Every structure is written in structure tokens, then in C-alpha cells.
N, C-alpha and C. Protein backbone atom coordinates (compact mmCIF):
# COMPACT_ATOMS: atom_id res chain seq x y z
N MET A 1 103.04 32.81 46.56
CA MET A 1 101.72 32.35 46.55
C MET A 1 101.55 31.26 47.59
N THR A 2 100.33 31.09 48.17
CA THR A 2 100.05 30.15 49.11
C THR A 2 99.42 28.92 48.50
N GLN A 3 99.34 27.82 49.20
CA GLN A 3 98.88 26.46 48.88
C GLN A 3 97.45 26.68 48.29
N ASP A 4 96.73 27.66 48.83
CA ASP A 4 95.22 27.77 48.51
C ASP A 4 95.10 28.73 47.36
N THR A 5 96.12 29.43 46.96
CA THR A 5 95.93 30.33 45.81
C THR A 5 95.45 29.60 44.52
N LYS A 6 94.56 30.30 43.83
CA LYS A 6 94.01 29.70 42.55
C LYS A 6 94.98 29.97 41.46
N LEU A 7 94.94 29.07 40.47
CA LEU A 7 95.88 29.15 39.25
C LEU A 7 95.14 29.38 38.00
N ALA A 8 95.66 30.47 37.22
CA ALA A 8 94.85 30.67 35.93
C ALA A 8 95.94 30.71 34.81
N LEU A 9 95.83 29.87 33.88
CA LEU A 9 96.54 29.89 32.63
C LEU A 9 95.95 30.73 31.64
N ILE A 10 96.61 31.65 31.05
CA ILE A 10 96.16 32.50 29.95
C ILE A 10 96.95 32.46 28.83
N THR A 11 96.51 31.82 27.72
CA THR A 11 97.37 31.59 26.41
C THR A 11 97.01 32.88 25.52
N GLY A 12 97.95 33.65 25.22
CA GLY A 12 97.61 34.96 24.47
C GLY A 12 97.52 36.17 25.41
N ALA A 13 98.45 36.17 26.55
CA ALA A 13 98.30 37.07 27.52
C ALA A 13 98.96 38.40 27.34
N SER A 14 99.71 38.66 26.26
CA SER A 14 100.55 39.83 26.28
C SER A 14 99.89 41.08 26.06
N ARG A 15 98.56 41.00 25.36
CA ARG A 15 97.92 42.33 25.09
C ARG A 15 96.47 41.99 24.95
N GLY A 16 95.73 43.08 24.70
CA GLY A 16 94.29 43.10 24.43
C GLY A 16 93.56 42.34 25.67
N LEU A 17 92.59 41.51 25.23
CA LEU A 17 91.76 40.94 26.25
C LEU A 17 92.49 39.99 27.20
N GLY A 18 93.53 39.17 26.65
CA GLY A 18 94.23 38.42 27.41
C GLY A 18 95.00 39.05 28.52
N ALA A 19 95.66 40.08 28.26
CA ALA A 19 96.41 40.92 29.23
C ALA A 19 95.33 41.49 30.26
N ALA A 20 94.22 42.07 29.77
CA ALA A 20 93.21 42.57 30.66
C ALA A 20 92.71 41.59 31.65
N LEU A 21 92.45 40.35 31.12
CA LEU A 21 91.98 39.28 32.08
C LEU A 21 92.88 38.80 33.04
N ALA A 22 94.20 38.82 32.58
CA ALA A 22 95.33 38.59 33.66
C ALA A 22 95.24 39.62 34.72
N GLU A 23 95.19 40.91 34.37
CA GLU A 23 95.18 41.87 35.53
C GLU A 23 93.85 41.74 36.32
N ALA A 24 92.74 41.57 35.62
CA ALA A 24 91.53 41.40 36.44
C ALA A 24 91.50 40.22 37.39
N LEU A 25 92.25 39.13 37.06
CA LEU A 25 92.27 37.89 37.81
C LEU A 25 93.35 37.98 38.88
N ALA A 26 94.39 38.85 38.77
CA ALA A 26 95.57 38.94 39.53
C ALA A 26 95.23 39.02 41.12
N PRO A 27 94.31 39.72 41.48
CA PRO A 27 94.02 39.80 43.00
C PRO A 27 93.52 38.36 43.57
N THR A 28 93.03 37.54 42.83
CA THR A 28 92.58 36.30 43.23
C THR A 28 93.30 34.89 42.78
N HIS A 29 94.18 35.10 41.73
CA HIS A 29 94.78 34.06 40.99
C HIS A 29 96.26 34.32 40.81
N HIS A 30 96.99 33.28 40.91
CA HIS A 30 98.42 33.44 40.35
C HIS A 30 98.28 33.18 38.79
N ILE A 31 98.80 34.05 38.02
CA ILE A 31 98.66 33.92 36.60
C ILE A 31 99.81 33.31 35.82
N VAL A 32 99.61 32.32 35.16
CA VAL A 32 100.61 31.76 34.18
C VAL A 32 100.25 32.30 32.83
N ALA A 33 101.23 33.29 32.47
CA ALA A 33 100.88 34.13 31.21
C ALA A 33 101.77 33.60 30.08
N VAL A 34 100.93 33.12 28.93
CA VAL A 34 101.70 32.67 27.78
C VAL A 34 101.69 33.64 26.68
N ALA A 35 102.61 33.96 25.93
CA ALA A 35 102.57 34.75 24.74
C ALA A 35 104.15 34.72 24.22
N ARG A 36 104.18 35.05 22.86
CA ARG A 36 105.43 35.14 22.18
C ARG A 36 106.34 36.28 22.70
N THR A 37 105.76 37.46 22.98
CA THR A 37 106.46 38.68 23.14
C THR A 37 106.97 38.85 24.65
N THR A 38 108.20 38.65 24.85
CA THR A 38 108.77 38.64 26.19
C THR A 38 108.66 40.03 26.80
N GLY A 39 108.94 41.13 26.06
CA GLY A 39 108.73 42.46 26.65
C GLY A 39 107.36 42.79 27.10
N ALA A 40 106.38 42.34 26.27
CA ALA A 40 104.97 42.62 26.59
C ALA A 40 104.58 41.79 27.90
N LEU A 41 105.08 40.61 28.11
CA LEU A 41 104.82 39.79 29.20
C LEU A 41 105.50 40.42 30.45
N GLU A 42 106.70 41.02 30.26
CA GLU A 42 107.34 41.67 31.46
C GLU A 42 106.54 42.92 31.89
N GLU A 43 106.04 43.70 30.90
CA GLU A 43 105.24 44.79 31.09
C GLU A 43 104.04 44.29 31.89
N LEU A 44 103.40 43.31 31.48
CA LEU A 44 102.17 42.83 32.17
C LEU A 44 102.54 42.23 33.64
N ASP A 45 103.67 41.65 33.77
CA ASP A 45 104.09 41.25 35.11
C ASP A 45 104.09 42.42 36.01
N ASP A 46 104.64 43.55 35.56
CA ASP A 46 104.89 44.79 36.26
C ASP A 46 103.44 45.23 36.78
N ARG A 47 102.43 45.19 35.90
CA ARG A 47 101.09 45.57 36.28
C ARG A 47 100.48 44.70 37.28
N ILE A 48 100.70 43.37 37.08
CA ILE A 48 100.06 42.40 38.02
C ILE A 48 100.68 42.70 39.40
N ARG A 49 102.02 42.96 39.45
CA ARG A 49 102.57 43.09 40.86
C ARG A 49 102.22 44.43 41.43
N ALA A 50 101.91 45.30 40.62
CA ALA A 50 101.30 46.63 41.14
C ALA A 50 99.91 46.33 41.71
N ARG A 51 99.31 45.45 41.34
CA ARG A 51 97.91 45.11 41.89
C ARG A 51 98.00 44.14 43.10
N GLY A 52 99.23 43.96 43.49
CA GLY A 52 99.44 42.84 44.63
C GLY A 52 99.50 41.44 44.20
N GLY A 53 99.51 41.13 42.81
CA GLY A 53 99.37 39.77 42.34
C GLY A 53 100.72 39.05 41.95
N SER A 54 100.72 38.00 41.43
CA SER A 54 102.07 37.43 41.07
C SER A 54 101.71 36.54 39.72
N ALA A 55 102.75 36.36 38.95
CA ALA A 55 102.66 35.78 37.72
C ALA A 55 103.89 34.92 37.39
N THR A 56 103.58 33.94 36.62
CA THR A 56 104.78 33.09 35.94
C THR A 56 104.74 33.41 34.41
N LEU A 57 105.82 33.97 33.87
CA LEU A 57 105.90 34.25 32.49
C LEU A 57 106.36 33.10 31.66
N ALA A 58 105.65 32.77 30.60
CA ALA A 58 106.06 31.71 29.68
C ALA A 58 106.05 32.26 28.25
N PRO A 59 107.28 32.85 27.85
CA PRO A 59 107.30 33.35 26.56
C PRO A 59 107.46 32.22 25.52
N MET A 60 106.35 31.70 25.06
CA MET A 60 106.32 30.45 24.23
C MET A 60 105.28 30.74 23.07
N ASP A 61 105.40 29.86 22.09
CA ASP A 61 104.56 29.94 20.96
C ASP A 61 103.57 28.83 21.00
N VAL A 62 102.27 29.14 20.97
CA VAL A 62 101.29 28.19 21.18
C VAL A 62 101.22 27.13 20.04
N THR A 63 101.82 27.56 18.83
CA THR A 63 101.81 26.60 17.72
C THR A 63 103.02 25.64 17.82
N ASP A 64 103.70 25.54 18.85
CA ASP A 64 104.87 24.68 19.07
C ASP A 64 104.31 23.61 20.12
N PRO A 65 103.97 22.40 19.58
CA PRO A 65 103.48 21.33 20.52
C PRO A 65 104.51 20.99 21.64
N ALA A 66 105.83 20.95 21.33
CA ALA A 66 106.79 20.52 22.28
C ALA A 66 106.87 21.54 23.33
N ALA A 67 106.72 22.91 23.12
CA ALA A 67 106.82 24.03 24.06
C ALA A 67 105.40 23.79 25.01
N MET A 68 104.27 23.54 24.37
CA MET A 68 103.13 23.44 25.16
C MET A 68 103.18 22.33 26.02
N ALA A 69 103.86 21.13 25.49
CA ALA A 69 103.82 19.99 26.48
C ALA A 69 104.84 20.37 27.61
N THR A 70 105.91 21.00 27.40
CA THR A 70 106.79 21.53 28.44
C THR A 70 106.10 22.37 29.32
N LEU A 71 105.32 23.23 28.91
CA LEU A 71 104.57 24.23 29.86
C LEU A 71 103.71 23.39 30.77
N CYS A 72 102.88 22.56 30.11
CA CYS A 72 101.85 21.89 31.04
C CYS A 72 102.44 20.86 31.96
N ARG A 73 103.58 20.23 31.48
CA ARG A 73 104.31 19.37 32.39
C ARG A 73 104.80 20.10 33.53
N GLY A 74 105.37 21.38 33.19
CA GLY A 74 105.85 22.25 34.25
C GLY A 74 104.85 22.70 35.30
N ILE A 75 103.64 23.02 34.72
CA ILE A 75 102.47 23.37 35.68
C ILE A 75 102.19 22.09 36.52
N HIS A 76 102.21 21.05 35.96
CA HIS A 76 101.86 19.80 36.66
C HIS A 76 102.83 19.45 37.84
N ASP A 77 104.21 19.65 37.47
CA ASP A 77 105.21 19.29 38.39
C ASP A 77 105.27 20.39 39.55
N ARG A 78 105.04 21.51 39.15
CA ARG A 78 104.99 22.64 40.32
C ARG A 78 103.79 22.64 41.11
N TRP A 79 102.65 22.61 40.50
CA TRP A 79 101.31 22.81 41.25
C TRP A 79 100.37 21.73 41.17
N GLY A 80 100.53 20.86 40.28
CA GLY A 80 99.75 19.70 40.09
C GLY A 80 98.36 19.93 39.64
N ARG A 81 98.04 21.15 39.18
CA ARG A 81 96.55 21.37 38.85
C ARG A 81 96.55 22.85 38.20
N LEU A 82 95.46 23.01 37.66
CA LEU A 82 94.82 24.40 37.22
C LEU A 82 93.51 24.67 37.56
N ASP A 83 93.14 25.78 38.03
CA ASP A 83 91.66 26.06 38.27
C ASP A 83 90.99 26.79 37.01
N LEU A 84 91.85 27.37 36.17
CA LEU A 84 91.13 28.17 35.05
C LEU A 84 92.16 28.18 33.94
N TRP A 85 91.66 28.08 32.73
CA TRP A 85 92.32 28.38 31.42
C TRP A 85 91.50 29.17 30.58
N LEU A 86 92.12 30.25 30.22
CA LEU A 86 91.47 31.31 29.38
C LEU A 86 92.30 31.36 28.03
N HIS A 87 91.63 30.95 26.96
CA HIS A 87 92.50 30.83 25.62
C HIS A 87 92.10 32.04 24.73
N THR A 88 92.93 33.02 24.72
CA THR A 88 92.81 34.16 23.89
C THR A 88 93.68 34.29 22.66
N ALA A 89 94.55 33.43 22.60
CA ALA A 89 95.49 33.38 21.49
C ALA A 89 94.77 33.32 20.07
N ILE A 90 95.13 34.14 19.23
CA ILE A 90 94.33 34.26 17.95
C ILE A 90 95.26 34.89 16.93
N HIS A 91 95.10 34.50 15.65
CA HIS A 91 95.83 35.11 14.58
C HIS A 91 94.77 35.71 13.63
N ALA A 92 94.99 37.02 13.43
CA ALA A 92 93.99 37.86 12.52
C ALA A 92 94.53 38.06 11.14
N ALA A 93 94.28 37.00 10.28
CA ALA A 93 94.75 37.19 8.88
C ALA A 93 94.12 38.53 8.34
N PRO A 94 94.81 39.15 7.39
CA PRO A 94 94.32 40.36 6.78
C PRO A 94 93.08 40.02 5.97
N LEU A 95 92.10 40.98 5.89
CA LEU A 95 90.94 40.82 5.31
C LEU A 95 91.17 40.59 3.68
N SER A 96 90.61 39.66 3.12
CA SER A 96 90.85 39.35 1.71
C SER A 96 89.61 38.64 1.10
N PRO A 97 89.32 38.84 -0.11
CA PRO A 97 88.42 37.96 -0.91
C PRO A 97 88.91 36.49 -0.82
N ALA A 98 87.93 35.59 -0.81
CA ALA A 98 88.33 34.13 -0.59
C ALA A 98 89.25 33.75 -1.69
N ASN A 99 89.05 34.26 -2.92
CA ASN A 99 89.96 33.77 -4.08
C ASN A 99 91.43 34.48 -4.05
N PHE A 100 91.62 35.34 -2.98
CA PHE A 100 92.81 35.97 -2.89
C PHE A 100 93.51 35.70 -1.52
N VAL A 101 93.09 34.71 -0.82
CA VAL A 101 93.59 34.46 0.46
C VAL A 101 95.10 33.96 0.42
N ASP A 102 96.07 34.58 1.09
CA ASP A 102 97.43 34.17 0.96
C ASP A 102 97.69 32.90 1.67
N ALA A 103 98.45 32.11 0.90
CA ALA A 103 98.66 30.78 1.46
C ALA A 103 99.39 30.73 2.90
N LYS A 104 100.20 31.77 3.05
CA LYS A 104 100.93 31.76 4.37
C LYS A 104 99.98 32.21 5.47
N ASP A 105 99.08 33.05 5.04
CA ASP A 105 98.19 33.57 6.09
C ASP A 105 97.19 32.42 6.50
N TRP A 106 96.75 31.70 5.50
CA TRP A 106 95.84 30.55 5.78
C TRP A 106 96.64 29.49 6.56
N THR A 107 97.76 29.15 6.31
CA THR A 107 98.49 28.17 7.01
C THR A 107 98.74 28.60 8.39
N LYS A 108 99.06 30.10 8.67
CA LYS A 108 99.17 30.42 10.02
C LYS A 108 97.92 30.52 10.83
N SER A 109 96.94 30.97 10.13
CA SER A 109 95.47 31.01 10.63
C SER A 109 95.16 29.50 11.23
N ILE A 110 95.32 28.49 10.48
CA ILE A 110 95.08 27.13 10.87
C ILE A 110 95.78 26.74 12.09
N ALA A 111 97.14 27.18 11.93
CA ALA A 111 98.01 26.66 13.12
C ALA A 111 97.73 27.42 14.49
N VAL A 112 97.48 28.69 14.45
CA VAL A 112 97.14 29.44 15.64
C VAL A 112 95.75 29.19 16.25
N ASN A 113 94.77 29.23 15.17
CA ASN A 113 93.43 29.30 15.60
C ASN A 113 92.78 27.87 15.83
N ALA A 114 93.17 27.01 14.99
CA ALA A 114 92.65 25.56 15.10
C ALA A 114 93.59 24.61 15.75
N THR A 115 94.72 24.40 15.08
CA THR A 115 95.57 23.25 15.40
C THR A 115 96.02 23.43 16.84
N ALA A 116 96.51 24.72 17.19
CA ALA A 116 97.01 24.96 18.63
C ALA A 116 95.89 24.54 19.62
N THR A 117 94.68 24.88 19.19
CA THR A 117 93.55 24.63 20.19
C THR A 117 93.47 23.07 20.38
N SER A 118 93.57 22.38 19.25
CA SER A 118 93.35 21.00 19.32
C SER A 118 94.57 20.29 20.11
N VAL A 119 95.68 20.92 20.14
CA VAL A 119 96.83 20.41 20.86
C VAL A 119 96.70 20.82 22.41
N LEU A 120 96.25 22.02 22.58
CA LEU A 120 96.16 22.35 24.08
C LEU A 120 95.10 21.76 24.78
N ILE A 121 93.89 21.56 24.21
CA ILE A 121 92.92 20.85 25.08
C ILE A 121 93.22 19.59 25.70
N PRO A 122 93.88 18.60 24.98
CA PRO A 122 94.31 17.31 25.62
C PRO A 122 95.37 17.55 26.70
N TYR A 123 96.33 18.60 26.52
CA TYR A 123 97.32 18.85 27.49
C TYR A 123 96.80 19.48 28.70
N VAL A 124 95.71 20.35 28.53
CA VAL A 124 95.34 21.15 29.73
C VAL A 124 94.26 20.49 30.55
N ALA A 125 93.48 19.63 29.71
CA ALA A 125 92.28 18.95 30.38
C ALA A 125 92.68 18.27 31.66
N PRO A 126 93.80 17.37 31.70
CA PRO A 126 94.19 16.67 32.98
C PRO A 126 94.50 17.68 34.11
N LEU A 127 95.03 18.94 33.74
CA LEU A 127 95.36 19.78 34.95
C LEU A 127 94.08 20.47 35.40
N LEU A 128 93.09 20.66 34.56
CA LEU A 128 91.84 21.19 35.06
C LEU A 128 90.92 20.24 35.90
N GLY A 129 91.02 18.92 35.56
CA GLY A 129 90.38 17.86 36.23
C GLY A 129 88.80 17.92 36.12
N GLU A 130 88.20 17.58 37.19
CA GLU A 130 86.59 17.75 37.08
C GLU A 130 86.17 19.05 37.53
N THR A 131 86.85 19.82 38.28
CA THR A 131 86.45 20.98 38.85
C THR A 131 86.94 22.35 38.16
N GLY A 132 87.92 22.24 37.25
CA GLY A 132 88.39 23.42 36.69
C GLY A 132 87.50 23.90 35.71
N GLN A 133 87.89 25.02 35.03
CA GLN A 133 87.15 25.70 34.05
C GLN A 133 87.90 26.25 32.85
N ALA A 134 87.36 26.05 31.64
CA ALA A 134 88.07 26.55 30.39
C ALA A 134 87.24 27.46 29.90
N VAL A 135 87.82 28.60 29.29
CA VAL A 135 86.97 29.59 28.64
C VAL A 135 87.54 30.04 27.27
N PHE A 136 86.69 29.94 26.32
CA PHE A 136 87.04 30.31 24.88
C PHE A 136 86.23 31.39 24.53
N PHE A 137 86.62 32.21 23.43
CA PHE A 137 86.10 33.44 23.21
C PHE A 137 85.69 33.54 21.71
N ASP A 138 84.35 33.67 21.47
CA ASP A 138 83.86 33.49 20.04
C ASP A 138 83.86 34.85 19.41
N ASP A 139 84.03 34.91 18.11
CA ASP A 139 83.88 36.08 17.32
C ASP A 139 83.43 35.66 16.03
N PRO A 140 82.12 35.51 15.98
CA PRO A 140 81.48 34.84 14.72
C PRO A 140 81.52 35.61 13.39
N ARG A 141 82.66 35.34 12.64
CA ARG A 141 82.70 35.90 11.34
C ARG A 141 82.70 35.01 10.20
N ALA A 142 82.35 33.69 10.46
CA ALA A 142 82.32 32.65 9.43
C ALA A 142 81.30 33.15 8.41
N GLY A 143 81.73 33.16 7.08
CA GLY A 143 80.69 33.46 6.13
C GLY A 143 80.56 34.97 5.68
N GLN A 144 81.28 35.80 6.48
CA GLN A 144 81.02 37.15 6.30
C GLN A 144 82.19 37.58 5.11
N LYS A 145 81.92 38.64 4.35
CA LYS A 145 82.82 39.02 3.34
C LYS A 145 84.03 39.36 3.72
N PHE A 146 85.15 38.82 3.08
CA PHE A 146 86.56 39.18 3.28
C PHE A 146 87.10 38.54 4.58
N PHE A 147 86.26 37.85 5.36
CA PHE A 147 86.87 37.19 6.63
C PHE A 147 87.12 35.71 6.44
N GLY A 148 87.31 35.29 5.21
CA GLY A 148 87.52 33.88 4.94
C GLY A 148 88.41 33.12 5.86
N ALA A 149 89.70 33.64 5.73
CA ALA A 149 90.67 32.84 6.64
C ALA A 149 90.49 32.86 8.01
N TYR A 150 90.18 34.02 8.53
CA TYR A 150 89.89 34.28 10.08
C TYR A 150 88.62 33.61 10.30
N GLY A 151 87.46 33.84 9.67
CA GLY A 151 86.23 33.32 10.02
C GLY A 151 86.21 31.73 10.07
N ALA A 152 86.92 31.22 9.01
CA ALA A 152 86.77 29.72 8.86
C ALA A 152 87.61 28.96 10.05
N THR A 153 88.72 29.57 10.42
CA THR A 153 89.68 28.99 11.48
C THR A 153 89.11 29.30 12.86
N LYS A 154 88.55 30.48 13.01
CA LYS A 154 87.90 30.75 14.21
C LYS A 154 86.73 29.96 14.60
N ALA A 155 85.91 29.64 13.35
CA ALA A 155 84.83 28.66 13.54
C ALA A 155 85.26 27.30 13.90
N ALA A 156 86.36 26.79 13.34
CA ALA A 156 86.84 25.64 13.65
C ALA A 156 87.24 25.48 15.20
N GLN A 157 87.81 26.60 15.71
CA GLN A 157 88.21 26.58 17.16
C GLN A 157 86.98 26.39 17.85
N MET A 158 85.90 27.21 17.51
CA MET A 158 84.78 27.20 18.35
C MET A 158 84.07 25.80 18.26
N ALA A 159 84.06 25.11 17.07
CA ALA A 159 83.60 23.73 17.07
C ALA A 159 84.22 22.81 17.84
N LEU A 160 85.61 22.87 18.06
CA LEU A 160 86.21 22.09 18.93
C LEU A 160 85.79 22.39 20.54
N ALA A 161 85.75 23.67 20.80
CA ALA A 161 85.29 24.02 22.10
C ALA A 161 83.95 23.70 22.39
N ARG A 162 83.05 23.75 21.56
CA ARG A 162 81.57 23.30 21.72
C ARG A 162 81.54 21.81 21.98
N SER A 163 82.24 21.10 21.14
CA SER A 163 82.34 19.64 21.28
C SER A 163 82.78 19.23 22.77
N TRP A 164 83.88 19.86 23.14
CA TRP A 164 84.52 19.58 24.59
C TRP A 164 83.45 20.01 25.47
N ALA A 165 82.79 21.07 25.36
CA ALA A 165 81.85 21.56 26.42
C ALA A 165 80.69 20.55 26.56
N ALA A 166 80.27 19.93 25.31
CA ALA A 166 79.05 18.91 25.44
C ALA A 166 79.58 17.62 26.09
N GLU A 167 80.78 17.23 25.78
CA GLU A 167 81.41 16.07 26.25
C GLU A 167 81.67 16.06 27.81
N THR A 168 81.87 17.19 28.24
CA THR A 168 82.38 17.36 29.70
C THR A 168 81.26 17.93 30.61
N GLU A 169 79.93 18.12 30.02
CA GLU A 169 78.93 18.61 30.68
C GLU A 169 78.59 18.09 32.06
N ARG A 170 78.66 16.64 32.21
CA ARG A 170 78.42 15.87 33.36
C ARG A 170 79.56 15.62 34.20
N THR A 171 80.88 15.63 33.47
CA THR A 171 82.01 15.12 34.16
C THR A 171 83.05 16.15 34.53
N GLY A 172 82.91 17.43 33.88
CA GLY A 172 83.83 18.37 34.11
C GLY A 172 85.15 18.06 33.25
N PRO A 173 85.95 19.10 33.03
CA PRO A 173 85.84 20.52 33.54
C PRO A 173 84.78 21.28 32.94
N ARG A 174 84.33 22.36 33.46
CA ARG A 174 83.33 23.18 32.74
C ARG A 174 84.02 23.93 31.64
N VAL A 175 83.38 23.88 30.51
CA VAL A 175 83.86 24.67 29.29
C VAL A 175 82.85 25.60 28.92
N ARG A 176 83.30 27.00 28.89
CA ARG A 176 82.50 28.03 28.55
C ARG A 176 82.87 28.62 27.22
N ILE A 177 81.94 29.16 26.54
CA ILE A 177 82.24 30.03 25.37
C ILE A 177 81.54 31.44 25.64
N VAL A 178 82.43 32.40 25.58
CA VAL A 178 82.04 33.74 25.82
C VAL A 178 82.14 34.56 24.45
N GLU A 179 81.29 35.49 24.21
CA GLU A 179 81.24 36.43 23.00
C GLU A 179 81.57 37.86 23.65
N PRO A 180 82.83 38.23 23.69
CA PRO A 180 83.08 39.51 24.17
C PRO A 180 82.38 40.84 23.34
N ALA A 181 82.25 41.86 24.04
CA ALA A 181 81.83 43.07 23.38
C ALA A 181 82.89 43.55 22.53
N PRO A 182 82.69 44.42 21.51
CA PRO A 182 83.73 44.83 20.60
C PRO A 182 84.74 45.78 21.46
N MET A 183 85.93 45.48 21.31
CA MET A 183 87.01 46.29 22.11
C MET A 183 88.05 46.90 21.27
N PRO A 184 88.67 47.89 21.71
CA PRO A 184 89.76 48.64 20.81
C PRO A 184 91.04 47.82 20.93
N THR A 185 91.07 46.62 20.40
CA THR A 185 92.22 45.80 20.37
C THR A 185 92.96 45.94 19.12
N ALA A 186 94.13 45.58 19.02
CA ALA A 186 94.96 45.52 17.83
C ALA A 186 94.37 44.63 16.72
N LEU A 187 93.82 43.52 17.21
CA LEU A 187 93.11 42.59 16.24
C LEU A 187 91.99 43.25 15.62
N ARG A 188 91.02 43.98 16.34
CA ARG A 188 89.96 44.69 15.76
C ARG A 188 90.43 45.79 14.87
N ALA A 189 91.49 46.55 15.22
CA ALA A 189 91.99 47.58 14.39
C ALA A 189 92.39 47.09 12.98
N ARG A 190 92.83 45.81 12.89
CA ARG A 190 93.33 45.36 11.58
C ARG A 190 92.07 45.09 10.63
N PHE A 191 90.90 44.83 11.32
CA PHE A 191 89.69 44.47 10.53
C PHE A 191 88.88 45.85 10.16
N PHE A 192 88.85 46.76 11.26
CA PHE A 192 88.15 47.94 11.06
C PHE A 192 89.04 49.15 11.42
N PRO A 193 89.90 49.44 10.40
CA PRO A 193 90.93 50.54 10.81
C PRO A 193 90.39 51.97 10.91
N GLY A 194 89.23 52.23 10.37
CA GLY A 194 88.72 53.58 10.41
C GLY A 194 87.65 53.78 11.49
N GLU A 195 87.46 52.72 12.33
CA GLU A 195 86.41 52.77 13.31
C GLU A 195 86.69 53.76 14.47
N ASN A 196 85.70 54.28 14.94
CA ASN A 196 85.66 55.24 16.22
C ASN A 196 86.00 54.44 17.32
N ARG A 197 87.21 54.29 17.89
CA ARG A 197 87.64 53.37 18.89
C ARG A 197 87.05 53.83 20.26
N GLU A 198 86.54 55.14 20.36
CA GLU A 198 86.09 55.69 21.66
C GLU A 198 84.78 55.04 21.95
N SER A 199 83.93 54.46 20.96
CA SER A 199 82.75 53.91 21.00
C SER A 199 82.82 52.43 21.60
N LEU A 200 83.98 51.89 21.56
CA LEU A 200 84.18 50.49 21.86
C LEU A 200 84.39 50.29 23.43
N THR A 201 84.09 49.11 23.91
CA THR A 201 84.28 48.83 25.43
C THR A 201 85.78 48.71 25.70
N PRO A 202 86.26 49.35 26.70
CA PRO A 202 87.65 49.14 27.07
C PRO A 202 87.81 47.74 27.47
N CYS A 203 89.00 47.23 27.13
CA CYS A 203 89.50 45.80 27.45
C CYS A 203 89.25 45.63 28.95
N ALA A 204 89.73 46.52 29.85
CA ALA A 204 89.63 46.24 31.26
C ALA A 204 88.21 46.22 31.80
N ASP A 205 87.30 47.00 31.12
CA ASP A 205 85.92 46.77 31.50
C ASP A 205 85.32 45.58 31.09
N GLU A 206 85.51 44.97 29.88
CA GLU A 206 85.07 43.85 29.40
C GLU A 206 85.66 42.64 30.16
N ALA A 207 86.97 42.83 30.57
CA ALA A 207 87.66 41.84 31.27
C ALA A 207 86.99 41.56 32.74
N GLY A 208 86.74 42.76 33.35
CA GLY A 208 85.98 42.67 34.56
C GLY A 208 84.59 42.02 34.47
N ARG A 209 83.91 42.32 33.37
CA ARG A 209 82.55 41.67 33.19
C ARG A 209 82.63 40.14 33.16
N ILE A 210 83.58 39.71 32.41
CA ILE A 210 83.73 38.24 32.08
C ILE A 210 84.26 37.55 33.29
N VAL A 211 85.15 38.11 34.11
CA VAL A 211 85.57 37.47 35.33
C VAL A 211 84.51 37.45 36.27
N SER A 212 83.52 38.49 36.33
CA SER A 212 82.38 38.49 37.25
C SER A 212 81.36 37.28 37.05
N VAL A 213 81.35 36.82 35.78
CA VAL A 213 80.41 35.77 35.58
C VAL A 213 81.03 34.35 35.57
N LEU A 214 82.32 34.35 35.66
CA LEU A 214 83.03 32.97 35.68
C LEU A 214 82.72 32.21 37.01
């Protein structure tokens, strides 16, 4: 990559929208791809290279603050900046009535959807500076039947993102919240297993639309 190449950090990059965004950005950005699954990241790297792009793979868990600190310090030491951060990492707890929410699912939902976001924002903000851009992805399920764990923790994530957006409106970085179209992702399949997936927007198409408006 050249000195002028833009840098995009994608947390939750191994599959679904995160992977599609990585591929869509590959022609114009060096991708720092974060996910827990090494094999899926390696497959993503192959697809990025096939498009003439390049990537740095970071097989890490976003719920590990020490790992995220190491990641961001590494980005600072190597490049000194980020142009774009897209946060797609999410935990989809199984659908359940509120009075049957599993304690482990609740704890993991908080860790991935809310706490990791609260840790990453102060780590990534200095890398984005005044001119970078952060993008979060809304899926408004709060208050819907059986979406208690997912809906509540996703709403917490969005509350953090909206506060950050309001706080940085004049100073930067620019913080955006996007609500993607329904896509045939593994996350959605957990919530709507009998859905006709052919009627959903392909991840690549939605990623292209999102990249076009950034």
C-alpha cells in the first residue's frame, strides 16, 4: 500500500455485512479486518486480493479490552491514523420471552453489543482524528416480542453511537448510523429461520449502497 492509501477498520469482518463491506472498500482502502474466526478472515483476504486490494488480518475478540488496545496501538504505530471505522460486530442472542432470557446469553449480549462498543470508541477516536468517519449499523428491535436481550443491548449500542455523533458534530470525527436493508445473513436466519431468503437484499448489494453514501 502507498502512503496515500486510505485505511478502513472493520470490526466483525469475517462474514455477512462486515465481509461484504470489506470487499466493497478493497479497491480504495487497505482493510484492517477484525473477527474471531481465523479461517473466515483468511477466506476474506483471498477475496480482497482477488479484487486487487490488501488487508491486515486481526483474529481478535472485540470483548477483550487488552486485545483491542493492542490492535489500536498497532494501527497507530504502523500508520498513525484511520480514515474509516465500520463496527458490524454483534451477538444475536436466541429469541426468548423476557422471563426466560438465559443469563449467559444476556451477559454475552452486553459484552459484545454494548461494552465492546464503549471500549472501542475511546480507543479508535484518536486514530480517526477530526477528519475520519465511524459508522454504526442500527437494527431497531427494542421492545419487540422475544427480542429482549438483542433489542436491549443493540439499543444501548445505538445510544452510545448517537451520543458520540452529537458530541463530535462540530469537531469530528463524523459518526454515522445506518439502518441496512434486510439481508440473508446468519444473524437474520437465527431470528427468522423460515423466511424466504431470495426476497432479501444480497449483502454485496447493500454494502455497495452503503459505501456509495459514505
